[in-house]
Amino acid sequence: MKKIQKDRVLDWLENKGPLTVREAMTELNINSLPARIMDLRRDGYAISRTWKVTNAGTKYGVYELVKEA
């Protein structure tokens, strides 16, 4: 199942763009996005994480596939 999750994350990043943990949970049914991102990085994909802050002060990460120039 791990490979299937990794493939779903990569498909999202390639076709829809940035992905948050909340989106991974609700849209992709993946509870461990950071682990899948680590798997993709090990496979050679460049994925960045930027931190965003909500109006309430909650910090969350946004993962994005780094496109080559």
Protein backbone atom coordinates (compact mmCIF):
# COMPACT_ATOMS: atom_id res chain seq x y z
CA MET A 1 0.00 0.00 0.00
CA LYS A 2 2.95 2.31 0.63
CA LYS A 3 3.84 2.39 -3.08
CA ILE A 4 0.26 3.22 -4.04
CA GLN A 5 0.21 6.14 -1.58
CA LYS A 6 3.54 7.40 -2.89
CA ASP A 7 2.19 7.29 -6.44
CA ARG A 8 -0.95 9.20 -5.45
CA VAL A 9 1.14 11.93 -3.78
CA LEU A 10 3.41 12.23 -6.82
CA ASP A 11 0.41 12.41 -9.16
CA TRP A 12 -1.09 15.22 -7.07
CA LEU A 13 2.16 17.19 -6.96
CA GLU A 14 2.70 16.82 -10.71
CA ASN A 15 -0.86 17.60 -11.80
CA LYS A 16 -2.51 19.72 -9.10
CA GLY A 17 0.42 21.44 -7.41
CA PRO A 18 1.15 22.06 -3.73
CA LEU A 19 -0.15 19.62 -1.12
CA THR A 20 -0.80 19.96 2.62
CA VAL A 21 -1.16 17.24 5.24
CA ARG A 22 -4.86 18.09 5.56
CA GLU A 23 -5.40 17.70 1.80
CA ALA A 24 -3.48 14.42 1.81
CA MET A 25 -5.75 13.14 4.58
CA THR A 26 -9.06 14.32 3.13
CA GLU A 27 -8.44 14.02 -0.62
CA LEU A 28 -5.97 11.12 -0.84
CA ASN A 29 -6.73 9.21 2.38
CA ILE A 30 -3.06 9.39 3.40
CA ASN A 31 -2.29 9.91 7.09
CA SER A 32 1.50 10.02 6.83
CA LEU A 33 2.34 12.58 4.15
CA PRO A 34 5.81 13.43 5.53
CA ALA A 35 6.79 9.74 5.25
CA ARG A 36 5.59 9.57 1.64
CA ILE A 37 7.46 12.80 0.84
CA MET A 38 10.60 11.23 2.32
CA ASP A 39 10.08 8.17 0.09
CA LEU A 40 9.77 10.38 -2.99
CA ARG A 41 12.88 12.34 -2.03
CA ARG A 42 14.79 9.05 -1.70
CA ASP A 43 13.61 8.24 -5.23
CA GLY A 44 15.27 11.45 -6.42
CA TYR A 45 12.36 13.88 -6.54
CA ALA A 46 13.08 17.43 -5.37
CA ILE A 47 10.23 18.46 -3.09
CA SER A 48 10.23 21.67 -1.11
CA ARG A 49 8.32 22.45 2.06
CA THR A 50 7.28 25.95 2.98
CA TRP A 51 5.61 26.91 6.22
CA LYS A 52 2.35 28.85 6.28
CA VAL A 53 0.52 30.29 9.29
CA THR A 54 -3.25 30.53 9.63
CA ASN A 55 -4.98 33.60 11.05
CA ALA A 56 -5.31 31.65 14.30
CA GLY A 57 -1.54 31.19 14.44
CA THR A 58 -1.43 27.51 13.49
CA LYS A 59 1.64 26.58 11.44
CA TYR A 60 1.41 24.02 8.63
CA GLY A 61 3.65 22.79 5.86
CA VAL A 62 2.96 22.97 2.14
CA TYR A 63 4.84 20.49 -0.06
CA GLU A 64 5.61 21.28 -3.69
CA LEU A 65 7.48 19.52 -6.46
CA VAL A 66 10.47 21.61 -7.54
CA LYS A 67 10.40 22.04 -11.30
CA GLU A 68 13.72 22.14 -13.13
CA ALA A 69 14.53 25.44 -14.82
